[in-house]
């Protein structure tokens, strides 16, 4: 027996607010991670704490409601692969944050919808037209602008970010594959639980306790930020279509810029801003084309005789 899927509730306004709050908490995850790795904590330890607390939150929230059946997966291989991609993305991103401004890592991570579009062709067997292929190419030109491989602003850690977003894109593709197969409780417990179990030996082998009060604050909060952000995002997607919520993630550039200036005293460069605008424009166009295609498919389904 598996846990039941929560019923869909249409509340677009609340969903948009919940998704905006989720994006804010995602920014706080990166802020905490950057602070901790700069304070000398190993990135793998920070990743472990982030998922361990997330797992405890999931246990407290979901097990009393759904029981131990929430731990049972209908597709354990896909769930394991999905979890692997998620925590690999987090580990690569947290490592990159040690060397790069948070605005740069955030901007590069905006290529997620672009990479998902490419991966959807071989993995999900989706048909992608010439318009979206052109948008993908334009989006990657924005990545080149941000990375500046021709200038002094380039840092090899940017490749870690590219690896992170590639793993994150595969995570979202796996999530699509599991849609309608698994409950949210099962997906949350597996994603956070498997990461916690796999990271235990690596995190404990080189454990370093925080020193300063601020270090302890971020150390204790990074997992809470992660769990809260994912729960808010899941709630938002239960109340509105993903096609409506997708552009909300781009407000993270404003959160990341504020954090960079106020906490880390780093301002975004003109290259980051220009490249970010190109990536965001390409992402919004891909989102627009997907909405149009979905609306056309829905219209055809309505007029097709049963």
C-alpha atoms as a PDB file:
ATOM      1  CA  UNK A   1       0.000   0.000   0.000  1.00  0.00           C
ATOM      2  CA  UNK A   2       1.251   3.513  -0.837  1.00  0.00           C
ATOM      3  CA  UNK A   3       0.333   6.884   0.573  1.00  0.00           C
ATOM      4  CA  UNK A   4      -2.530   8.688  -1.105  1.00  0.00           C
ATOM      5  CA  UNK A   5      -2.010  11.652  -3.375  1.00  0.00           C
ATOM      6  CA  UNK A   6      -3.405  14.913  -1.982  1.00  0.00           C
ATOM      7  CA  UNK A   7      -6.369  16.241  -3.992  1.00  0.00           C
ATOM      8  CA  UNK A   8      -5.828  19.110  -6.413  1.00  0.00           C
ATOM      9  CA  UNK A   9      -7.129  22.475  -5.174  1.00  0.00           C
ATOM     10  CA  UNK A  10      -7.346  25.439  -7.560  1.00  0.00           C
ATOM     11  CA  UNK A  11      -6.036  28.595  -5.860  1.00  0.00           C
ATOM     12  CA  UNK A  12      -3.733  30.411  -8.269  1.00  0.00           C
ATOM     13  CA  UNK A  13      -3.166  33.504  -6.145  1.00  0.00           C
ATOM     14  CA  UNK A  14      -2.078  31.505  -3.094  1.00  0.00           C
ATOM     15  CA  UNK A  15       0.009  29.197  -5.305  1.00  0.00           C
ATOM     16  CA  UNK A  16       1.938  32.149  -6.744  1.00  0.00           C
ATOM     17  CA  UNK A  17       2.632  33.491  -3.249  1.00  0.00           C
ATOM     18  CA  UNK A  18       3.712  30.056  -2.036  1.00  0.00           C
ATOM     19  CA  UNK A  19       6.039  29.625  -5.019  1.00  0.00           C
ATOM     20  CA  UNK A  20       7.552  33.079  -4.467  1.00  0.00           C
ATOM     21  CA  UNK A  21       8.140  32.166  -0.822  1.00  0.00           C
ATOM     22  CA  UNK A  22       9.703  28.861  -1.934  1.00  0.00           C
ATOM     23  CA  UNK A  23      12.105  30.718  -4.221  1.00  0.00           C
ATOM     24  CA  UNK A  24      13.043  32.986  -1.311  1.00  0.00           C
ATOM     25  CA  UNK A  25      13.853  29.954   0.833  1.00  0.00           C
ATOM     26  CA  UNK A  26      15.872  28.440  -2.017  1.00  0.00           C
ATOM     27  CA  UNK A  27      17.966  31.612  -1.992  1.00  0.00           C
ATOM     28  CA  UNK A  28      18.430  31.213   1.757  1.00  0.00           C
ATOM     29  CA  UNK A  29      19.700  27.652   1.167  1.00  0.00           C
ATOM     30  CA  UNK A  30      22.431  28.975  -1.126  1.00  0.00           C
ATOM     31  CA  UNK A  31      23.174  31.832   1.274  1.00  0.00           C
ATOM     32  CA  UNK A  32      23.605  29.431   4.191  1.00  0.00           C
ATOM     33  CA  UNK A  33      25.737  27.051   2.127  1.00  0.00           C
ATOM     34  CA  UNK A  34      28.023  29.813   0.896  1.00  0.00           C
ATOM     35  CA  UNK A  35      28.446  31.180   4.413  1.00  0.00           C
ATOM     36  CA  UNK A  36      29.287  27.752   5.845  1.00  0.00           C
ATOM     37  CA  UNK A  37      31.791  26.687   3.179  1.00  0.00           C
ATOM     38  CA  UNK A  38      33.507  30.067   3.455  1.00  0.00           C
ATOM     39  CA  UNK A  39      33.656  29.462   7.235  1.00  0.00           C
ATOM     40  CA  UNK A  40      35.640  26.287   6.566  1.00  0.00           C
ATOM     41  CA  UNK A  41      33.014  23.545   6.756  1.00  0.00           C
ATOM     42  CA  UNK A  42      33.372  20.851   4.054  1.00  0.00           C
ATOM     43  CA  UNK A  43      30.768  21.205   1.312  1.00  0.00           C
ATOM     44  CA  UNK A  44      29.762  17.546   1.668  1.00  0.00           C
ATOM     45  CA  UNK A  45      29.034  18.111   5.369  1.00  0.00           C
ATOM     46  CA  UNK A  46      26.825  21.094   4.546  1.00  0.00           C
ATOM     47  CA  UNK A  47      24.959  18.989   1.969  1.00  0.00           C
ATOM     48  CA  UNK A  48      24.474  16.254   4.589  1.00  0.00           C
ATOM     49  CA  UNK A  49      23.046  18.679   7.169  1.00  0.00           C
ATOM     50  CA  UNK A  50      20.758  20.211   4.554  1.00  0.00           C
ATOM     51  CA  UNK A  51      19.244  16.798   3.679  1.00  0.00           C
ATOM     52  CA  UNK A  52      19.299  15.298   7.182  1.00  0.00           C
ATOM     53  CA  UNK A  53      17.150  18.118   8.568  1.00  0.00           C
ATOM     54  CA  UNK A  54      14.931  17.995   5.473  1.00  0.00           C
ATOM     55  CA  UNK A  55      14.434  14.259   6.066  1.00  0.00           C
ATOM     56  CA  UNK A  56      13.518  14.800   9.728  1.00  0.00           C
ATOM     57  CA  UNK A  57      10.998  17.448   8.682  1.00  0.00           C
ATOM     58  CA  UNK A  58       9.496  15.051   6.121  1.00  0.00           C
ATOM     59  CA  UNK A  59       9.228  12.280   8.714  1.00  0.00           C
ATOM     60  CA  UNK A  60       7.490  14.576  11.207  1.00  0.00           C
ATOM     61  CA  UNK A  61       5.093  15.964   8.595  1.00  0.00           C
ATOM     62  CA  UNK A  62       4.253  12.920   6.465  1.00  0.00           C
ATOM     63  CA  UNK A  63       4.529   9.773   8.607  1.00  0.00           C
ATOM     64  CA  UNK A  64       1.833  10.744  11.159  1.00  0.00           C
ATOM     65  CA  UNK A  65      -0.507  11.515   8.265  1.00  0.00           C
ATOM     66  CA  UNK A  66       0.299   8.719   5.795  1.00  0.00           C
ATOM     67  CA  UNK A  67       1.919   6.086   7.992  1.00  0.00           C
ATOM     68  CA  UNK A  68       4.904   3.917   7.130  1.00  0.00           C
ATOM     69  CA  UNK A  69       3.388   3.107   3.734  1.00  0.00           C
ATOM     70  CA  UNK A  70       4.665   6.509   2.644  1.00  0.00           C
ATOM     71  CA  UNK A  71       8.121   4.921   2.566  1.00  0.00           C
ATOM     72  CA  UNK A  72       7.017   2.374  -0.029  1.00  0.00           C
ATOM     73  CA  UNK A  73       7.784   3.308  -3.628  1.00  0.00           C
ATOM     74  CA  UNK A  74       6.009   2.030  -6.718  1.00  0.00           C
ATOM     75  CA  UNK A  75       9.142   2.725  -8.739  1.00  0.00           C
ATOM     76  CA  UNK A  76      12.175   2.431  -6.442  1.00  0.00           C
ATOM     77  CA  UNK A  77      14.765   2.486  -9.242  1.00  0.00           C
ATOM     78  CA  UNK A  78      13.486   5.774 -10.641  1.00  0.00           C
ATOM     79  CA  UNK A  79      13.145   7.210  -7.125  1.00  0.00           C
ATOM     80  CA  UNK A  80      16.744   6.246  -6.327  1.00  0.00           C
ATOM     81  CA  UNK A  81      17.970   7.768  -9.586  1.00  0.00           C
ATOM     82  CA  UNK A  82      15.923  10.925  -8.955  1.00  0.00           C
ATOM     83  CA  UNK A  83      17.397  11.237  -5.452  1.00  0.00           C
ATOM     84  CA  UNK A  84      20.929  10.727  -6.794  1.00  0.00           C
ATOM     85  CA  UNK A  85      20.515  13.549  -9.285  1.00  0.00           C
ATOM     86  CA  UNK A  86      19.078  15.876  -6.629  1.00  0.00           C
ATOM     87  CA  UNK A  87      21.825  15.555  -4.045  1.00  0.00           C
ATOM     88  CA  UNK A  88      24.532  15.502  -6.752  1.00  0.00           C
ATOM     89  CA  UNK A  89      23.176  18.834  -7.952  1.00  0.00           C
ATOM     90  CA  UNK A  90      23.223  20.204  -4.403  1.00  0.00           C
ATOM     91  CA  UNK A  91      26.790  19.011  -3.750  1.00  0.00           C
ATOM     92  CA  UNK A  92      28.113  20.539  -6.975  1.00  0.00           C
ATOM     93  CA  UNK A  93      26.265  23.801  -6.388  1.00  0.00           C
ATOM     94  CA  UNK A  94      27.422  24.131  -2.764  1.00  0.00           C
ATOM     95  CA  UNK A  95      31.022  23.515  -3.840  1.00  0.00           C
ATOM     96  CA  UNK A  96      30.754  26.153  -6.572  1.00  0.00           C
ATOM     97  CA  UNK A  97      29.377  28.667  -4.053  1.00  0.00           C
ATOM     98  CA  UNK A  98      32.721  28.636  -2.261  1.00  0.00           C
ATOM     99  CA  UNK A  99      34.355  30.246  -5.285  1.00  0.00           C
ATOM    100  CA  UNK A 100      31.608  32.163  -7.088  1.00  0.00           C
ATOM    101  CA  UNK A 101      29.273  35.048  -6.224  1.00  0.00           C
ATOM    102  CA  UNK A 102      25.762  33.881  -5.429  1.00  0.00           C
ATOM    103  CA  UNK A 103      24.394  35.969  -8.316  1.00  0.00           C
ATOM    104  CA  UNK A 104      26.559  34.020 -10.793  1.00  0.00           C
ATOM    105  CA  UNK A 105      25.545  30.589  -9.491  1.00  0.00           C
ATOM    106  CA  UNK A 106      21.878  31.621  -9.438  1.00  0.00           C
ATOM    107  CA  UNK A 107      22.009  32.966 -12.985  1.00  0.00           C
ATOM    108  CA  UNK A 108      23.657  29.837 -14.378  1.00  0.00           C
ATOM    109  CA  UNK A 109      21.063  27.693 -12.579  1.00  0.00           C
ATOM    110  CA  UNK A 110      18.365  29.566 -14.526  1.00  0.00           C
ATOM    111  CA  UNK A 111      19.293  27.409 -17.520  1.00  0.00           C
ATOM    112  CA  UNK A 112      17.320  24.574 -15.919  1.00  0.00           C
ATOM    113  CA  UNK A 113      14.211  24.904 -18.162  1.00  0.00           C
ATOM    114  CA  UNK A 114      16.484  25.084 -21.200  1.00  0.00           C
ATOM    115  CA  UNK A 115      18.319  21.856 -20.338  1.00  0.00           C
ATOM    116  CA  UNK A 116      15.043  20.142 -19.395  1.00  0.00           C
ATOM    117  CA  UNK A 117      13.738  21.032 -22.870  1.00  0.00           C
ATOM    118  CA  UNK A 118      16.698  19.263 -24.463  1.00  0.00           C
ATOM    119  CA  UNK A 119      16.497  16.232 -22.171  1.00  0.00           C
ATOM    120  CA  UNK A 120      12.761  15.876 -22.775  1.00  0.00           C
ATOM    121  CA  UNK A 121      13.492  14.844 -26.370  1.00  0.00           C
ATOM    122  CA  UNK A 122      15.417  11.580 -25.699  1.00  0.00           C
ATOM    123  CA  UNK A 123      14.105  10.783 -22.203  1.00  0.00           C
ATOM    124  CA  UNK A 124      10.424  11.764 -22.311  1.00  0.00           C
ATOM    125  CA  UNK A 125      10.064  11.339 -26.104  1.00  0.00           C
ATOM    126  CA  UNK A 126       8.632  14.837 -26.366  1.00  0.00           C
ATOM    127  CA  UNK A 127       8.589  16.660 -29.681  1.00  0.00           C
ATOM    128  CA  UNK A 128      10.334  20.028 -29.555  1.00  0.00           C
ATOM    129  CA  UNK A 129       9.816  22.452 -32.432  1.00  0.00           C
ATOM    130  CA  UNK A 130      12.253  24.798 -34.119  1.00  0.00           C
ATOM    131  CA  UNK A 131      11.109  27.751 -31.994  1.00  0.00           C
ATOM    132  CA  UNK A 132      12.111  26.095 -28.723  1.00  0.00           C
ATOM    133  CA  UNK A 133      15.355  24.784 -30.216  1.00  0.00           C
ATOM    134  CA  UNK A 134      16.217  28.373 -31.218  1.00  0.00           C
ATOM    135  CA  UNK A 135      15.373  29.555 -27.687  1.00  0.00           C
ATOM    136  CA  UNK A 136      17.678  26.866 -26.271  1.00  0.00           C
ATOM    137  CA  UNK A 137      20.566  28.113 -28.424  1.00  0.00           C
ATOM    138  CA  UNK A 138      19.918  31.724 -27.385  1.00  0.00           C
ATOM    139  CA  UNK A 139      19.745  30.672 -23.733  1.00  0.00           C
ATOM    140  CA  UNK A 140      23.115  28.972 -23.913  1.00  0.00           C
ATOM    141  CA  UNK A 141      24.597  32.083 -25.476  1.00  0.00           C
ATOM    142  CA  UNK A 142      23.508  33.845 -22.277  1.00  0.00           C
ATOM    143  CA  UNK A 143      25.427  31.245 -20.262  1.00  0.00           C
ATOM    144  CA  UNK A 144      28.561  32.031 -22.272  1.00  0.00           C
ATOM    145  CA  UNK A 145      28.081  35.730 -21.543  1.00  0.00           C
ATOM    146  CA  UNK A 146      27.839  35.011 -17.794  1.00  0.00           C
ATOM    147  CA  UNK A 147      30.836  32.675 -17.776  1.00  0.00           C
ATOM    148  CA  UNK A 148      33.054  34.976 -19.899  1.00  0.00           C
ATOM    149  CA  UNK A 149      35.497  32.251 -20.979  1.00  0.00           C
ATOM    150  CA  UNK A 150      37.424  34.980 -22.800  1.00  0.00           C
ATOM    151  CA  UNK A 151      37.958  37.241 -19.768  1.00  0.00           C
ATOM    152  CA  UNK A 152      39.365  37.511 -16.260  1.00  0.00           C
ATOM    153  CA  UNK A 153      35.930  36.949 -14.732  1.00  0.00           C
ATOM    154  CA  UNK A 154      35.981  33.283 -15.714  1.00  0.00           C
ATOM    155  CA  UNK A 155      36.440  30.707 -12.934  1.00  0.00           C
ATOM    156  CA  UNK A 156      36.658  26.901 -13.411  1.00  0.00           C
ATOM    157  CA  UNK A 157      34.056  26.469 -10.640  1.00  0.00           C
ATOM    158  CA  UNK A 158      31.493  27.573 -13.213  1.00  0.00           C
ATOM    159  CA  UNK A 159      31.754  24.084 -14.675  1.00  0.00           C
ATOM    160  CA  UNK A 160      30.603  22.762 -11.296  1.00  0.00           C
ATOM    161  CA  UNK A 161      27.525  24.932 -11.709  1.00  0.00           C
ATOM    162  CA  UNK A 162      26.903  23.526 -15.177  1.00  0.00           C
ATOM    163  CA  UNK A 163      27.148  20.040 -13.700  1.00  0.00           C
ATOM    164  CA  UNK A 164      24.774  21.064 -10.930  1.00  0.00           C
ATOM    165  CA  UNK A 165      22.104  22.345 -13.288  1.00  0.00           C
ATOM    166  CA  UNK A 166      22.480  19.293 -15.532  1.00  0.00           C
ATOM    167  CA  UNK A 167      21.839  17.018 -12.536  1.00  0.00           C
ATOM    168  CA  UNK A 168      18.951  19.241 -11.439  1.00  0.00           C
ATOM    169  CA  UNK A 169      17.435  19.026 -14.921  1.00  0.00           C
ATOM    170  CA  UNK A 170      17.586  15.229 -14.780  1.00  0.00           C
ATOM    171  CA  UNK A 171      15.944  15.417 -11.347  1.00  0.00           C
ATOM    172  CA  UNK A 172      13.030  17.365 -12.841  1.00  0.00           C
ATOM    173  CA  UNK A 173      12.792  14.933 -15.767  1.00  0.00           C
ATOM    174  CA  UNK A 174      12.646  12.031 -13.287  1.00  0.00           C
ATOM    175  CA  UNK A 175       9.961  13.948 -11.382  1.00  0.00           C
ATOM    176  CA  UNK A 176       7.918  14.168 -14.580  1.00  0.00           C
ATOM    177  CA  UNK A 177       8.338  10.446 -15.154  1.00  0.00           C
ATOM    178  CA  UNK A 178       7.062   9.743 -11.623  1.00  0.00           C
ATOM    179  CA  UNK A 179       4.077  12.087 -11.877  1.00  0.00           C
ATOM    180  CA  UNK A 180       0.943  10.110 -11.080  1.00  0.00           C
ATOM    181  CA  UNK A 181       3.036   7.157  -9.933  1.00  0.00           C
ATOM    182  CA  UNK A 182       4.221   8.350  -6.530  1.00  0.00           C
ATOM    183  CA  UNK A 183       2.728  10.542  -3.801  1.00  0.00           C
ATOM    184  CA  UNK A 184       4.448  13.717  -2.674  1.00  0.00           C
ATOM    185  CA  UNK A 185       5.157  12.117   0.717  1.00  0.00           C
ATOM    186  CA  UNK A 186       7.030   9.224  -0.868  1.00  0.00           C
ATOM    187  CA  UNK A 187       9.027  11.486  -3.158  1.00  0.00           C
ATOM    188  CA  UNK A 188      10.008  13.830  -0.318  1.00  0.00           C
ATOM    189  CA  UNK A 189      11.002  10.995   2.020  1.00  0.00           C
ATOM    190  CA  UNK A 190      13.027   9.179  -0.612  1.00  0.00           C
ATOM    191  CA  UNK A 191      14.798  12.271  -1.962  1.00  0.00           C
ATOM    192  CA  UNK A 192      15.886  13.518   1.455  1.00  0.00           C
ATOM    193  CA  UNK A 193      16.295  10.112   3.116  1.00  0.00           C
ATOM    194  CA  UNK A 194      18.493   8.470   0.481  1.00  0.00           C
ATOM    195  CA  UNK A 195      20.735  11.531   0.314  1.00  0.00           C
ATOM    196  CA  UNK A 196      21.112  11.497   4.098  1.00  0.00           C
ATOM    197  CA  UNK A 197      21.981   7.783   4.213  1.00  0.00           C
ATOM    198  CA  UNK A 198      24.458   7.960   1.320  1.00  0.00           C
ATOM    199  CA  UNK A 199      26.242  11.015   2.717  1.00  0.00           C
ATOM    200  CA  UNK A 200      26.639   9.814   6.328  1.00  0.00           C
ATOM    201  CA  UNK A 201      30.077   8.137   5.938  1.00  0.00           C
ATOM    202  CA  UNK A 202      31.512  11.000   3.878  1.00  0.00           C
ATOM    203  CA  UNK A 203      30.194  13.744   6.173  1.00  0.00           C
ATOM    204  CA  UNK A 204      31.257  12.084   9.434  1.00  0.00           C
ATOM    205  CA  UNK A 205      34.762  11.184   8.227  1.00  0.00           C
ATOM    206  CA  UNK A 206      35.795  14.843   8.171  1.00  0.00           C
ATOM    207  CA  UNK A 207      33.310  16.511  10.516  1.00  0.00           C
ATOM    208  CA  UNK A 208      33.983  20.110  11.557  1.00  0.00           C
ATOM    209  CA  UNK A 209      31.775  21.894  14.080  1.00  0.00           C
ATOM    210  CA  UNK A 210      30.815  25.539  13.458  1.00  0.00           C
ATOM    211  CA  UNK A 211      32.693  28.111  15.542  1.00  0.00           C
ATOM    212  CA  UNK A 212      31.109  31.562  15.389  1.00  0.00           C
ATOM    213  CA  UNK A 213      27.479  32.230  16.415  1.00  0.00           C
ATOM    214  CA  UNK A 214      26.575  33.144  12.824  1.00  0.00           C
ATOM    215  CA  UNK A 215      28.080  29.849  11.627  1.00  0.00           C
ATOM    216  CA  UNK A 216      25.876  27.952  14.076  1.00  0.00           C
ATOM    217  CA  UNK A 217      22.806  29.892  12.936  1.00  0.00           C
ATOM    218  CA  UNK A 218      23.268  28.967   9.276  1.00  0.00           C
ATOM    219  CA  UNK A 219      24.288  25.426  10.230  1.00  0.00           C
ATOM    220  CA  UNK A 220      21.002  24.886  12.073  1.00  0.00           C
ATOM    221  CA  UNK A 221      18.844  26.658   9.513  1.00  0.00           C
ATOM    222  CA  UNK A 222      20.132  25.359   6.150  1.00  0.00           C
ATOM    223  CA  UNK A 223      18.075  22.154   6.380  1.00  0.00           C
ATOM    224  CA  UNK A 224      14.985  24.000   7.601  1.00  0.00           C
ATOM    225  CA  UNK A 225      15.286  26.382   4.650  1.00  0.00           C
ATOM    226  CA  UNK A 226      15.562  23.389   2.300  1.00  0.00           C
ATOM    227  CA  UNK A 227      12.625  21.468   3.729  1.00  0.00           C
ATOM    228  CA  UNK A 228      10.399  24.545   3.921  1.00  0.00           C
ATOM    229  CA  UNK A 229      11.229  25.610   0.368  1.00  0.00           C
ATOM    230  CA  UNK A 230      10.423  22.201  -1.116  1.00  0.00           C
ATOM    231  CA  UNK A 231       7.185  21.855   0.865  1.00  0.00           C
ATOM    232  CA  UNK A 232       6.066  25.318  -0.282  1.00  0.00           C
ATOM    233  CA  UNK A 233       6.928  24.507  -3.901  1.00  0.00           C
ATOM    234  CA  UNK A 234       5.004  21.236  -3.713  1.00  0.00           C
ATOM    235  CA  UNK A 235       2.004  23.002  -2.179  1.00  0.00           C
ATOM    236  CA  UNK A 236       2.109  25.625  -4.925  1.00  0.00           C
ATOM    237  CA  UNK A 237       2.104  22.958  -7.648  1.00  0.00           C
ATOM    238  CA  UNK A 238      -0.936  21.325  -6.050  1.00  0.00           C
ATOM    239  CA  UNK A 239      -2.860  24.596  -6.391  1.00  0.00           C
ATOM    240  CA  UNK A 240      -1.812  25.776  -9.851  1.00  0.00           C
ATOM    241  CA  UNK A 241      -0.350  24.390 -13.069  1.00  0.00           C
ATOM    242  CA  UNK A 242       3.422  24.236 -13.405  1.00  0.00           C
ATOM    243  CA  UNK A 243       3.120  26.344 -16.570  1.00  0.00           C
ATOM    244  CA  UNK A 244       1.712  29.204 -14.486  1.00  0.00           C
ATOM    245  CA  UNK A 245       4.318  28.906 -11.723  1.00  0.00           C
ATOM    246  CA  UNK A 246       7.435  28.411 -13.859  1.00  0.00           C
ATOM    247  CA  UNK A 247       8.376  32.093 -14.408  1.00  0.00           C
ATOM    248  CA  UNK A 248       8.231  32.796 -10.653  1.00  0.00           C
ATOM    249  CA  UNK A 249      11.687  31.225 -10.199  1.00  0.00           C
ATOM    250  CA  UNK A 250      13.252  34.159 -12.023  1.00  0.00           C
ATOM    251  CA  UNK A 251      12.571  36.505  -9.110  1.00  0.00           C
ATOM    252  CA  UNK A 252      15.408  34.660  -7.405  1.00  0.00           C
ATOM    253  CA  UNK A 253      17.865  36.908  -9.235  1.00  0.00           C
ATOM    254  CA  UNK A 254      16.572  39.835  -7.154  1.00  0.00           C
ATOM    255  CA  UNK A 255      16.853  37.846  -3.921  1.00  0.00           C
ATOM    256  CA  UNK A 256      20.342  36.648  -4.851  1.00  0.00           C
ATOM    257  CA  UNK A 257      21.483  40.162  -5.736  1.00  0.00           C
ATOM    258  CA  UNK A 258      20.209  41.522  -2.413  1.00  0.00           C
ATOM    259  CA  UNK A 259      21.935  38.725  -0.497  1.00  0.00           C
ATOM    260  CA  UNK A 260      25.161  39.204  -2.437  1.00  0.00           C
ATOM    261  CA  UNK A 261      25.261  42.911  -1.645  1.00  0.00           C
ATOM    262  CA  UNK A 262      24.012  42.858   1.948  1.00  0.00           C
ATOM    263  CA  UNK A 263      25.731  39.728   3.275  1.00  0.00           C
ATOM    264  CA  UNK A 264      28.723  39.049   1.029  1.00  0.00           C
ATOM    265  CA  UNK A 265      29.410  42.594  -0.218  1.00  0.00           C
ATOM    266  CA  UNK A 266      29.510  41.499  -3.876  1.00  0.00           C
ATOM    267  CA  UNK A 267      27.724  43.309  -6.684  1.00  0.00           C
ATOM    268  CA  UNK A 268      26.660  41.566  -9.906  1.00  0.00           C
ATOM    269  CA  UNK A 269      28.809  42.416 -12.937  1.00  0.00           C
ATOM    270  CA  UNK A 270      27.374  43.793 -16.160  1.00  0.00           C
ATOM    271  CA  UNK A 271      28.144  40.413 -17.780  1.00  0.00           C
ATOM    272  CA  UNK A 272      26.059  38.593 -15.168  1.00  0.00           C
ATOM    273  CA  UNK A 273      23.148  40.981 -15.664  1.00  0.00           C
ATOM    274  CA  UNK A 274      23.217  40.871 -19.478  1.00  0.00           C
ATOM    275  CA  UNK A 275      23.692  37.103 -19.596  1.00  0.00           C
ATOM    276  CA  UNK A 276      20.969  36.658 -17.003  1.00  0.00           C
ATOM    277  CA  UNK A 277      18.515  38.693 -19.080  1.00  0.00           C
ATOM    278  CA  UNK A 278      19.283  36.549 -22.140  1.00  0.00           C
ATOM    279  CA  UNK A 279      18.793  33.310 -20.179  1.00  0.00           C
ATOM    280  CA  UNK A 280      15.571  34.545 -18.565  1.00  0.00           C
ATOM    281  CA  UNK A 281      14.182  35.728 -21.926  1.00  0.00           C
ATOM    282  CA  UNK A 282      14.926  32.313 -23.475  1.00  0.00           C
ATOM    283  CA  UNK A 283      13.382  30.521 -20.494  1.00  0.00           C
ATOM    284  CA  UNK A 284      10.220  32.604 -20.617  1.00  0.00           C
ATOM    285  CA  UNK A 285       9.892  31.986 -24.352  1.00  0.00           C
ATOM    286  CA  UNK A 286      10.223  28.219 -23.822  1.00  0.00           C
ATOM    287  CA  UNK A 287       7.599  28.482 -21.061  1.00  0.00           C
ATOM    288  CA  UNK A 288       5.313  30.441 -23.413  1.00  0.00           C
ATOM    289  CA  UNK A 289       5.665  27.881 -26.208  1.00  0.00           C
ATOM    290  CA  UNK A 290       4.932  25.027 -23.792  1.00  0.00           C
ATOM    291  CA  UNK A 291       1.776  26.764 -22.561  1.00  0.00           C
ATOM    292  CA  UNK A 292       0.618  27.344 -26.137  1.00  0.00           C
ATOM    293  CA  UNK A 293       1.247  23.706 -27.051  1.00  0.00           C
ATOM    294  CA  UNK A 294      -0.589  22.493 -23.932  1.00  0.00           C
ATOM    295  CA  UNK A 295      -3.559  24.753 -24.688  1.00  0.00           C
ATOM    296  CA  UNK A 296      -3.668  23.515 -28.296  1.00  0.00           C
ATOM    297  CA  UNK A 297      -3.550  19.891 -27.133  1.00  0.00           C
ATOM    298  CA  UNK A 298      -6.357  20.545 -24.628  1.00  0.00           C
ATOM    299  CA  UNK A 299      -8.485  22.189 -27.348  1.00  0.00           C
ATOM    300  CA  UNK A 300      -7.966  19.256 -29.715  1.00  0.00           C
ATOM    301  CA  UNK A 301      -8.874  16.822 -26.928  1.00  0.00           C
ATOM    302  CA  UNK A 302     -12.139  18.703 -26.322  1.00  0.00           C
ATOM    303  CA  UNK A 303     -13.290  18.606 -29.946  1.00  0.00           C
ATOM    304  CA  UNK A 304     -12.147  15.036 -30.630  1.00  0.00           C
ATOM    305  CA  UNK A 305     -15.134  12.616 -30.553  1.00  0.00           C
ATOM    306  CA  UNK A 306     -15.014  10.105 -27.726  1.00  0.00           C
END
